[in-house]
Full PDB file with SEQRES, HELIX, SHEET, SSBOND, CRYST1, ORIGX, SCALE, CONECT and MASTER records, all heavy atoms in Angstrom:
SEQRES   1 A   39  GLU GLY LEU GLY GLY SER GLU ALA GLY ALA GLU ILE ALA          
SEQRES   2 A   39  ARG GLU LEU MET ASP SER VAL ILE LYS TYR GLN LYS LEU          
SEQRES   3 A   39  ILE GLY ARG ILE GLU ASN GLY SER GLY GLY ALA ALA THR          
HELIX    1 AA1 GLU A    7  ASN A   32  1                                  26    
HELIX    2 AA2 GLY A   36  ALA A   38  5                                   3    
CRYST1    1.000    1.000    1.000  90.00  90.00  90.00 P 1           1          
ORIGX1      1.000000  0.000000  0.000000        0.00000                         
ORIGX2      0.000000  1.000000  0.000000        0.00000                         
ORIGX3      0.000000  0.000000  1.000000        0.00000                         
SCALE1      1.000000  0.000000  0.000000        0.00000                         
SCALE2      0.000000  1.000000  0.000000        0.00000                         
SCALE3      0.000000  0.000000  1.000000        0.00000                         
ATOM      1  N   GLU A   1       0.414  14.726 -12.489  1.00  0.00           N  
ATOM      2  CA  GLU A   1       0.602  15.951 -13.307  1.00  0.00           C  
ATOM      3  C   GLU A   1      -0.710  16.378 -13.941  1.00  0.00           C  
ATOM      4  O   GLU A   1      -0.953  17.572 -14.129  1.00  0.00           O  
ATOM      5  CB  GLU A   1       1.657  15.696 -14.367  1.00  0.00           C  
ATOM      6  CG  GLU A   1       3.052  15.487 -13.793  1.00  0.00           C  
ATOM      7  CD  GLU A   1       4.082  15.198 -14.888  1.00  0.00           C  
ATOM      8  OE1 GLU A   1       3.738  15.298 -16.076  1.00  0.00           O  
ATOM      9  OE2 GLU A   1       5.232  14.871 -14.531  1.00  0.00           O  
ATOM     10  N   GLY A   2      -1.578  15.426 -14.318  1.00  0.00           N  
ATOM     11  CA  GLY A   2      -2.827  15.775 -14.952  1.00  0.00           C  
ATOM     12  C   GLY A   2      -4.040  15.648 -14.020  1.00  0.00           C  
ATOM     13  O   GLY A   2      -5.084  16.134 -14.377  1.00  0.00           O  
ATOM     14  N   LEU A   3      -3.820  14.961 -12.900  1.00  0.00           N  
ATOM     15  CA  LEU A   3      -5.004  14.673 -12.063  1.00  0.00           C  
ATOM     16  C   LEU A   3      -4.916  15.317 -10.651  1.00  0.00           C  
ATOM     17  O   LEU A   3      -5.851  15.206  -9.876  1.00  0.00           O  
ATOM     18  CB  LEU A   3      -5.164  13.156 -11.879  1.00  0.00           C  
ATOM     19  CG  LEU A   3      -5.480  12.385 -13.199  1.00  0.00           C  
ATOM     20  CD1 LEU A   3      -5.388  10.884 -12.911  1.00  0.00           C  
ATOM     21  CD2 LEU A   3      -6.858  12.713 -13.669  1.00  0.00           C  
ATOM     22  N   GLY A   4      -3.790  15.904 -10.347  1.00  0.00           N  
ATOM     23  CA  GLY A   4      -3.660  16.527  -9.003  1.00  0.00           C  
ATOM     24  C   GLY A   4      -4.740  17.539  -8.735  1.00  0.00           C  
ATOM     25  O   GLY A   4      -5.080  18.420  -9.548  1.00  0.00           O  
ATOM     26  N   GLY A   5      -5.368  17.406  -7.533  1.00  0.00           N  
ATOM     27  CA  GLY A   5      -6.412  18.351  -7.182  1.00  0.00           C  
ATOM     28  C   GLY A   5      -7.788  18.036  -7.687  1.00  0.00           C  
ATOM     29  O   GLY A   5      -8.761  18.724  -7.333  1.00  0.00           O  
ATOM     30  N   SER A   6      -7.930  17.022  -8.544  1.00  0.00           N  
ATOM     31  CA  SER A   6      -9.229  16.647  -9.118  1.00  0.00           C  
ATOM     32  C   SER A   6      -9.876  15.566  -8.261  1.00  0.00           C  
ATOM     33  O   SER A   6      -9.256  14.922  -7.427  1.00  0.00           O  
ATOM     34  CB  SER A   6      -9.039  16.176 -10.539  1.00  0.00           C  
ATOM     35  OG  SER A   6      -8.346  14.960 -10.562  1.00  0.00           O  
ATOM     36  N   GLU A   7     -11.177  15.322  -8.535  1.00  0.00           N  
ATOM     37  CA  GLU A   7     -11.913  14.255  -7.838  1.00  0.00           C  
ATOM     38  C   GLU A   7     -11.297  12.902  -8.241  1.00  0.00           C  
ATOM     39  O   GLU A   7     -11.199  11.979  -7.402  1.00  0.00           O  
ATOM     40  CB  GLU A   7     -13.377  14.305  -8.210  1.00  0.00           C  
ATOM     41  CG  GLU A   7     -14.212  13.199  -7.521  1.00  0.00           C  
ATOM     42  CD  GLU A   7     -14.077  13.227  -5.959  1.00  0.00           C  
ATOM     43  OE1 GLU A   7     -13.967  14.328  -5.435  1.00  0.00           O  
ATOM     44  OE2 GLU A   7     -14.068  12.133  -5.392  1.00  0.00           O  
ATOM     45  N   ALA A   8     -10.941  12.760  -9.531  1.00  0.00           N  
ATOM     46  CA  ALA A   8     -10.291  11.520  -9.952  1.00  0.00           C  
ATOM     47  C   ALA A   8      -8.974  11.282  -9.251  1.00  0.00           C  
ATOM     48  O   ALA A   8      -8.658  10.173  -8.860  1.00  0.00           O  
ATOM     49  CB  ALA A   8     -10.079  11.544 -11.461  1.00  0.00           C  
ATOM     50  N   GLY A   9      -8.225  12.387  -9.047  1.00  0.00           N  
ATOM     51  CA  GLY A   9      -6.995  12.271  -8.320  1.00  0.00           C  
ATOM     52  C   GLY A   9      -7.199  11.893  -6.882  1.00  0.00           C  
ATOM     53  O   GLY A   9      -6.456  11.059  -6.331  1.00  0.00           O  
ATOM     54  N   ALA A  10      -8.260  12.424  -6.257  1.00  0.00           N  
ATOM     55  CA  ALA A  10      -8.580  12.072  -4.842  1.00  0.00           C  
ATOM     56  C   ALA A  10      -8.928  10.605  -4.762  1.00  0.00           C  
ATOM     57  O   ALA A  10      -8.573   9.935  -3.787  1.00  0.00           O  
ATOM     58  CB  ALA A  10      -9.694  12.956  -4.337  1.00  0.00           C  
ATOM     59  N   GLU A  11      -9.627  10.103  -5.773  1.00  0.00           N  
ATOM     60  CA  GLU A  11     -10.044   8.673  -5.723  1.00  0.00           C  
ATOM     61  C   GLU A  11      -8.785   7.779  -5.857  1.00  0.00           C  
ATOM     62  O   GLU A  11      -8.646   6.731  -5.203  1.00  0.00           O  
ATOM     63  CB  GLU A  11     -11.013   8.389  -6.905  1.00  0.00           C  
ATOM     64  CG  GLU A  11     -11.422   6.939  -6.953  1.00  0.00           C  
ATOM     65  CD  GLU A  11     -12.109   6.416  -5.737  1.00  0.00           C  
ATOM     66  OE1 GLU A  11     -12.812   7.217  -5.018  1.00  0.00           O  
ATOM     67  OE2 GLU A  11     -11.982   5.211  -5.414  1.00  0.00           O  
ATOM     68  N   ILE A  12      -7.832   8.176  -6.742  1.00  0.00           N  
ATOM     69  CA  ILE A  12      -6.596   7.422  -6.882  1.00  0.00           C  
ATOM     70  C   ILE A  12      -5.804   7.431  -5.579  1.00  0.00           C  
ATOM     71  O   ILE A  12      -5.232   6.452  -5.140  1.00  0.00           O  
ATOM     72  CB  ILE A  12      -5.730   8.001  -7.987  1.00  0.00           C  
ATOM     73  CG1 ILE A  12      -6.403   7.798  -9.379  1.00  0.00           C  
ATOM     74  CG2 ILE A  12      -4.333   7.356  -8.014  1.00  0.00           C  
ATOM     75  CD1 ILE A  12      -5.679   8.433 -10.525  1.00  0.00           C  
ATOM     76  N   ALA A  13      -5.791   8.626  -4.906  1.00  0.00           N  
ATOM     77  CA  ALA A  13      -5.090   8.714  -3.619  1.00  0.00           C  
ATOM     78  C   ALA A  13      -5.663   7.782  -2.598  1.00  0.00           C  
ATOM     79  O   ALA A  13      -4.922   7.127  -1.862  1.00  0.00           O  
ATOM     80  CB  ALA A  13      -5.131  10.164  -3.144  1.00  0.00           C  
ATOM     81  N   ARG A  14      -6.995   7.694  -2.550  1.00  0.00           N  
ATOM     82  CA  ARG A  14      -7.644   6.762  -1.599  1.00  0.00           C  
ATOM     83  C   ARG A  14      -7.283   5.351  -1.937  1.00  0.00           C  
ATOM     84  O   ARG A  14      -7.032   4.513  -1.035  1.00  0.00           O  
ATOM     85  CB  ARG A  14      -9.158   6.972  -1.670  1.00  0.00           C  
ATOM     86  CG  ARG A  14      -9.620   8.231  -0.954  1.00  0.00           C  
ATOM     87  CD  ARG A  14     -11.161   8.241  -0.787  1.00  0.00           C  
ATOM     88  NE  ARG A  14     -11.813   8.424  -2.045  1.00  0.00           N  
ATOM     89  CZ  ARG A  14     -12.156   9.615  -2.574  1.00  0.00           C  
ATOM     90  NH1 ARG A  14     -11.872  10.703  -1.932  1.00  0.00           N  
ATOM     91  NH2 ARG A  14     -12.781   9.678  -3.723  1.00  0.00           N  
ATOM     92  N   GLU A  15      -7.292   5.001  -3.198  1.00  0.00           N  
ATOM     93  CA  GLU A  15      -6.949   3.635  -3.651  1.00  0.00           C  
ATOM     94  C   GLU A  15      -5.529   3.293  -3.279  1.00  0.00           C  
ATOM     95  O   GLU A  15      -5.219   2.191  -2.824  1.00  0.00           O  
ATOM     96  CB  GLU A  15      -7.191   3.468  -5.137  1.00  0.00           C  
ATOM     97  CG  GLU A  15      -6.887   2.094  -5.670  1.00  0.00           C  
ATOM     98  CD  GLU A  15      -7.070   1.948  -7.174  1.00  0.00           C  
ATOM     99  OE1 GLU A  15      -7.601   2.912  -7.798  1.00  0.00           O  
ATOM    100  OE2 GLU A  15      -6.759   0.871  -7.716  1.00  0.00           O  
ATOM    101  N   LEU A  16      -4.619   4.261  -3.530  1.00  0.00           N  
ATOM    102  CA  LEU A  16      -3.221   4.039  -3.226  1.00  0.00           C  
ATOM    103  C   LEU A  16      -2.989   3.807  -1.770  1.00  0.00           C  
ATOM    104  O   LEU A  16      -2.277   2.899  -1.358  1.00  0.00           O  
ATOM    105  CB  LEU A  16      -2.419   5.210  -3.767  1.00  0.00           C  
ATOM    106  CG  LEU A  16      -0.871   5.169  -3.631  1.00  0.00           C  
ATOM    107  CD1 LEU A  16      -0.324   3.896  -4.252  1.00  0.00           C  
ATOM    108  CD2 LEU A  16      -0.262   6.394  -4.262  1.00  0.00           C  
ATOM    109  N   MET A  17      -3.580   4.663  -0.935  1.00  0.00           N  
ATOM    110  CA  MET A  17      -3.409   4.546   0.531  1.00  0.00           C  
ATOM    111  C   MET A  17      -3.987   3.233   1.031  1.00  0.00           C  
ATOM    112  O   MET A  17      -3.428   2.594   1.914  1.00  0.00           O  
ATOM    113  CB  MET A  17      -4.027   5.740   1.233  1.00  0.00           C  
ATOM    114  CG  MET A  17      -3.221   7.017   1.039  1.00  0.00           C  
ATOM    115  SD  MET A  17      -3.779   8.413   2.081  1.00  0.00           S  
ATOM    116  CE  MET A  17      -5.282   8.874   1.186  1.00  0.00           C  
ATOM    117  N   ASP A  18      -5.184   2.872   0.518  1.00  0.00           N  
ATOM    118  CA  ASP A  18      -5.807   1.654   0.954  1.00  0.00           C  
ATOM    119  C   ASP A  18      -4.899   0.410   0.604  1.00  0.00           C  
ATOM    120  O   ASP A  18      -4.734  -0.478   1.422  1.00  0.00           O  
ATOM    121  CB  ASP A  18      -7.160   1.468   0.302  1.00  0.00           C  
ATOM    122  CG  ASP A  18      -7.868   0.186   0.689  1.00  0.00           C  
ATOM    123  OD1 ASP A  18      -8.181   0.053   1.900  1.00  0.00           O  
ATOM    124  OD2 ASP A  18      -8.081  -0.670  -0.211  1.00  0.00           O  
ATOM    125  N   SER A  19      -4.358   0.426  -0.574  1.00  0.00           N  
ATOM    126  CA  SER A  19      -3.484  -0.632  -1.049  1.00  0.00           C  
ATOM    127  C   SER A  19      -2.261  -0.720  -0.167  1.00  0.00           C  
ATOM    128  O   SER A  19      -1.843  -1.797   0.263  1.00  0.00           O  
ATOM    129  CB  SER A  19      -3.075  -0.461  -2.510  1.00  0.00           C  
ATOM    130  OG  SER A  19      -4.181  -0.535  -3.363  1.00  0.00           O  
ATOM    131  N   VAL A  20      -1.629   0.400   0.091  1.00  0.00           N  
ATOM    132  CA  VAL A  20      -0.409   0.442   0.913  1.00  0.00           C  
ATOM    133  C   VAL A  20      -0.637  -0.093   2.291  1.00  0.00           C  
ATOM    134  O   VAL A  20       0.171  -0.848   2.842  1.00  0.00           O  
ATOM    135  CB  VAL A  20       0.161   1.889   0.930  1.00  0.00           C  
ATOM    136  CG1 VAL A  20       1.231   2.017   2.006  1.00  0.00           C  
ATOM    137  CG2 VAL A  20       0.731   2.231  -0.402  1.00  0.00           C  
ATOM    138  N   ILE A  21      -1.754   0.301   2.922  1.00  0.00           N  
ATOM    139  CA  ILE A  21      -2.051  -0.218   4.269  1.00  0.00           C  
ATOM    140  C   ILE A  21      -2.221  -1.725   4.284  1.00  0.00           C  
ATOM    141  O   ILE A  21      -1.692  -2.427   5.176  1.00  0.00           O  
ATOM    142  CB  ILE A  21      -3.304   0.487   4.823  1.00  0.00           C  
ATOM    143  CG1 ILE A  21      -3.015   1.952   5.089  1.00  0.00           C  
ATOM    144  CG2 ILE A  21      -3.781  -0.204   6.144  1.00  0.00           C  
ATOM    145  CD1 ILE A  21      -4.242   2.801   5.365  1.00  0.00           C  
ATOM    146  N   LYS A  22      -2.884  -2.227   3.276  1.00  0.00           N  
ATOM    147  CA  LYS A  22      -3.000  -3.685   3.156  1.00  0.00           C  
ATOM    148  C   LYS A  22      -1.665  -4.361   2.912  1.00  0.00           C  
ATOM    149  O   LYS A  22      -1.339  -5.403   3.446  1.00  0.00           O  
ATOM    150  CB  LYS A  22      -4.003  -4.057   2.004  1.00  0.00           C  
ATOM    151  CG  LYS A  22      -5.422  -3.701   2.299  1.00  0.00           C  
ATOM    152  CD  LYS A  22      -6.298  -3.972   1.081  1.00  0.00           C  
ATOM    153  CE  LYS A  22      -7.762  -3.608   1.332  1.00  0.00           C  
ATOM    154  NZ  LYS A  22      -8.582  -3.784   0.139  1.00  0.00           N  
ATOM    155  N   TYR A  23      -0.841  -3.726   2.036  1.00  0.00           N  
ATOM    156  CA  TYR A  23       0.500  -4.270   1.777  1.00  0.00           C  
ATOM    157  C   TYR A  23       1.289  -4.381   3.061  1.00  0.00           C  
ATOM    158  O   TYR A  23       1.917  -5.402   3.351  1.00  0.00           O  
ATOM    159  CB  TYR A  23       1.281  -3.335   0.846  1.00  0.00           C  
ATOM    160  CG  TYR A  23       0.732  -3.190  -0.567  1.00  0.00           C  
ATOM    161  CD1 TYR A  23       1.201  -2.135  -1.357  1.00  0.00           C  
ATOM    162  CD2 TYR A  23      -0.073  -4.114  -1.143  1.00  0.00           C  
ATOM    163  CE1 TYR A  23       0.717  -1.974  -2.656  1.00  0.00           C  
ATOM    164  CE2 TYR A  23      -0.553  -3.975  -2.443  1.00  0.00           C  
ATOM    165  CZ  TYR A  23      -0.112  -2.897  -3.212  1.00  0.00           C  
ATOM    166  OH  TYR A  23      -0.572  -2.743  -4.488  1.00  0.00           O  
ATOM    167  N   GLN A  24       1.265  -3.317   3.900  1.00  0.00           N  
ATOM    168  CA  GLN A  24       2.048  -3.322   5.130  1.00  0.00           C  
ATOM    169  C   GLN A  24       1.638  -4.456   6.046  1.00  0.00           C  
ATOM    170  O   GLN A  24       2.465  -5.115   6.649  1.00  0.00           O  
ATOM    171  CB  GLN A  24       1.858  -1.975   5.833  1.00  0.00           C  
ATOM    172  CG  GLN A  24       2.594  -0.796   5.166  1.00  0.00           C  
ATOM    173  CD  GLN A  24       4.077  -0.759   5.458  1.00  0.00           C  
ATOM    174  OE1 GLN A  24       4.702  -1.752   5.739  1.00  0.00           O  
ATOM    175  NE2 GLN A  24       4.658   0.421   5.393  1.00  0.00           N  
ATOM    176  N   LYS A  25       0.337  -4.643   6.163  1.00  0.00           N  
ATOM    177  CA  LYS A  25      -0.137  -5.747   7.078  1.00  0.00           C  
ATOM    178  C   LYS A  25       0.260  -7.118   6.534  1.00  0.00           C  
ATOM    179  O   LYS A  25       0.652  -8.008   7.263  1.00  0.00           O  
ATOM    180  CB  LYS A  25      -1.679  -5.648   7.209  1.00  0.00           C  
ATOM    181  CG  LYS A  25      -2.142  -4.459   8.042  1.00  0.00           C  
ATOM    182  CD  LYS A  25      -3.641  -4.480   8.236  1.00  0.00           C  
ATOM    183  CE  LYS A  25      -4.100  -3.306   9.082  1.00  0.00           C  
ATOM    184  NZ  LYS A  25      -5.570  -3.340   9.357  1.00  0.00           N  
ATOM    185  N   LEU A  26       0.167  -7.277   5.235  1.00  0.00           N  
ATOM    186  CA  LEU A  26       0.494  -8.556   4.597  1.00  0.00           C  
ATOM    187  C   LEU A  26       2.036  -8.816   4.736  1.00  0.00           C  
ATOM    188  O   LEU A  26       2.422  -9.975   4.989  1.00  0.00           O  
ATOM    189  CB  LEU A  26       0.068  -8.526   3.160  1.00  0.00           C  
ATOM    190  CG  LEU A  26      -0.024  -9.923   2.480  1.00  0.00           C  
ATOM    191  CD1 LEU A  26      -0.787 -10.957   3.296  1.00  0.00           C  
ATOM    192  CD2 LEU A  26      -0.692  -9.748   1.098  1.00  0.00           C  
ATOM    193  N   ILE A  27       2.818  -7.777   4.561  1.00  0.00           N  
ATOM    194  CA  ILE A  27       4.267  -7.926   4.712  1.00  0.00           C  
ATOM    195  C   ILE A  27       4.547  -8.357   6.132  1.00  0.00           C  
ATOM    196  O   ILE A  27       5.433  -9.201   6.411  1.00  0.00           O  
ATOM    197  CB  ILE A  27       4.995  -6.615   4.360  1.00  0.00           C  
ATOM    198  CG1 ILE A  27       4.856  -6.278   2.909  1.00  0.00           C  
ATOM    199  CG2 ILE A  27       6.482  -6.689   4.737  1.00  0.00           C  
ATOM    200  CD1 ILE A  27       5.321  -4.893   2.491  1.00  0.00           C  
ATOM    201  N   GLY A  28       3.849  -7.756   7.086  1.00  0.00           N  
ATOM    202  CA  GLY A  28       4.057  -8.140   8.516  1.00  0.00           C  
ATOM    203  C   GLY A  28       3.767  -9.638   8.753  1.00  0.00           C  
ATOM    204  O   GLY A  28       4.500 -10.282   9.481  1.00  0.00           O  
ATOM    205  N   ARG A  29       2.727 -10.151   8.127  1.00  0.00           N  
ATOM    206  CA  ARG A  29       2.424 -11.590   8.217  1.00  0.00           C  
ATOM    207  C   ARG A  29       3.588 -12.460   7.675  1.00  0.00           C  
ATOM    208  O   ARG A  29       3.968 -13.430   8.261  1.00  0.00           O  
ATOM    209  CB  ARG A  29       1.117 -11.919   7.490  1.00  0.00           C  
ATOM    210  CG  ARG A  29      -0.140 -11.567   8.219  1.00  0.00           C  
ATOM    211  CD  ARG A  29      -1.347 -11.781   7.333  1.00  0.00           C  
ATOM    212  NE  ARG A  29      -1.419 -13.144   6.798  1.00  0.00           N  
ATOM    213  CZ  ARG A  29      -1.973 -14.170   7.428  1.00  0.00           C  
ATOM    214  NH1 ARG A  29      -2.518 -14.004   8.605  1.00  0.00           N  
ATOM    215  NH2 ARG A  29      -2.026 -15.377   6.869  1.00  0.00           N  
ATOM    216  N   ILE A  30       4.083 -12.035   6.529  1.00  0.00           N  
ATOM    217  CA  ILE A  30       5.168 -12.769   5.889  1.00  0.00           C  
ATOM    218  C   ILE A  30       6.436 -12.716   6.740  1.00  0.00           C  
ATOM    219  O   ILE A  30       7.115 -13.721   6.962  1.00  0.00           O  
ATOM    220  CB  ILE A  30       5.461 -12.242   4.468  1.00  0.00           C  
ATOM    221  CG1 ILE A  30       4.216 -12.424   3.531  1.00  0.00           C  
ATOM    222  CG2 ILE A  30       6.663 -12.903   3.870  1.00  0.00           C  
ATOM    223  CD1 ILE A  30       4.326 -11.690   2.220  1.00  0.00           C  
ATOM    224  N   GLU A  31       6.673 -11.498   7.284  1.00  0.00           N  
ATOM    225  CA  GLU A  31       7.895 -11.329   8.093  1.00  0.00           C  
ATOM    226  C   GLU A  31       7.804 -12.217   9.316  1.00  0.00           C  
ATOM    227  O   GLU A  31       8.834 -12.822   9.736  1.00  0.00           O  
ATOM    228  CB  GLU A  31       8.011  -9.831   8.485  1.00  0.00           C  
ATOM    229  CG  GLU A  31       9.268  -9.477   9.248  1.00  0.00           C  
ATOM    230  CD  GLU A  31       9.325  -7.977   9.536  1.00  0.00           C  
ATOM    231  OE1 GLU A  31       8.243  -7.372   9.682  1.00  0.00           O  
ATOM    232  OE2 GLU A  31      10.432  -7.452   9.546  1.00  0.00           O  
ATOM    233  N   ASN A  32       6.677 -12.274   9.978  1.00  0.00           N  
ATOM    234  CA  ASN A  32       6.512 -13.087  11.163  1.00  0.00           C  
ATOM    235  C   ASN A  32       6.616 -14.583  10.912  1.00  0.00           C  
ATOM    236  O   ASN A  32       6.987 -15.320  11.801  1.00  0.00           O  
ATOM    237  CB  ASN A  32       5.174 -12.790  11.852  1.00  0.00           C  
ATOM    238  CG  ASN A  32       5.165 -11.455  12.556  1.00  0.00           C  
ATOM    239  OD1 ASN A  32       6.188 -10.806  12.681  1.00  0.00           O  
ATOM    240  ND2 ASN A  32       3.986 -11.006  13.003  1.00  0.00           N  
ATOM    241  N   GLY A  33       6.242 -15.013   9.693  1.00  0.00           N  
ATOM    242  CA  GLY A  33       6.258 -16.394   9.379  1.00  0.00           C  
ATOM    243  C   GLY A  33       7.498 -16.866   8.608  1.00  0.00           C  
ATOM    244  O   GLY A  33       7.548 -18.014   8.190  1.00  0.00           O  
ATOM    245  N   SER A  34       8.478 -15.994   8.453  1.00  0.00           N  
ATOM    246  CA  SER A  34       9.687 -16.342   7.708  1.00  0.00           C  
ATOM    247  C   SER A  34      10.945 -16.121   8.510  1.00  0.00           C  
ATOM    248  O   SER A  34      10.839 -15.788   9.715  1.00  0.00           O  
ATOM    249  CB  SER A  34       9.746 -15.463   6.417  1.00  0.00           C  
ATOM    250  OG  SER A  34       8.598 -15.583   5.645  1.00  0.00           O  
ATOM    251  N   GLY A  35      12.046 -16.340   7.904  1.00  0.00           N  
ATOM    252  CA  GLY A  35      13.348 -16.130   8.585  1.00  0.00           C  
ATOM    253  C   GLY A  35      14.379 -15.888   7.549  1.00  0.00           C  
ATOM    254  O   GLY A  35      14.184 -15.898   6.359  1.00  0.00           O  
ATOM    255  N   GLY A  36      15.621 -15.639   8.017  1.00  0.00           N  
ATOM    256  CA  GLY A  36      16.757 -15.423   7.115  1.00  0.00           C  
ATOM    257  C   GLY A  36      16.594 -14.318   6.143  1.00  0.00           C  
ATOM    258  O   GLY A  36      16.160 -13.195   6.471  1.00  0.00           O  
ATOM    259  N   ALA A  37      16.880 -14.582   4.879  1.00  0.00           N  
ATOM    260  CA  ALA A  37      16.812 -13.603   3.838  1.00  0.00           C  
ATOM    261  C   ALA A  37      15.447 -13.040   3.628  1.00  0.00           C  
ATOM    262  O   ALA A  37      15.276 -11.863   3.270  1.00  0.00           O  
ATOM    263  CB  ALA A  37      17.319 -14.178   2.494  1.00  0.00           C  
ATOM    264  N   ALA A  38      14.425 -13.832   3.867  1.00  0.00           N  
ATOM    265  CA  ALA A  38      13.035 -13.364   3.708  1.00  0.00           C  
ATOM    266  C   ALA A  38      12.678 -12.298   4.723  1.00  0.00           C  
ATOM    267  O   ALA A  38      11.986 -11.328   4.401  1.00  0.00           O  
ATOM    268  CB  ALA A  38      12.084 -14.529   3.855  1.00  0.00           C  
ATOM    269  N   THR A  39      13.172 -12.407   5.979  1.00  0.00           N  
ATOM    270  CA  THR A  39      12.889 -11.401   6.996  1.00  0.00           C  
ATOM    271  C   THR A  39      13.565 -10.079   6.616  1.00  0.00           C  
ATOM    272  O   THR A  39      12.959  -9.010   6.751  1.00  0.00           O  
ATOM    273  CB  THR A  39      13.459 -11.891   8.338  1.00  0.00           C  
ATOM    274  OG1 THR A  39      12.810 -13.149   8.730  1.00  0.00           O  
ATOM    275  CG2 THR A  39      13.221 -10.848   9.410  1.00  0.00           C  
TER     276      THR A  39                                                      
MASTER        0    0    0    2    0    0    0    6  275    1    0    3          
END                                                                             
């Protein structure tokens, strides 16, 4: 609401996307190494 369209907002967007991509890969590792309820 206060940062949309700003340079600070763009930096947050980059940080958020970078974090999410790493999260997805790490979840994939956990999924492959687990079973049952964890999967």
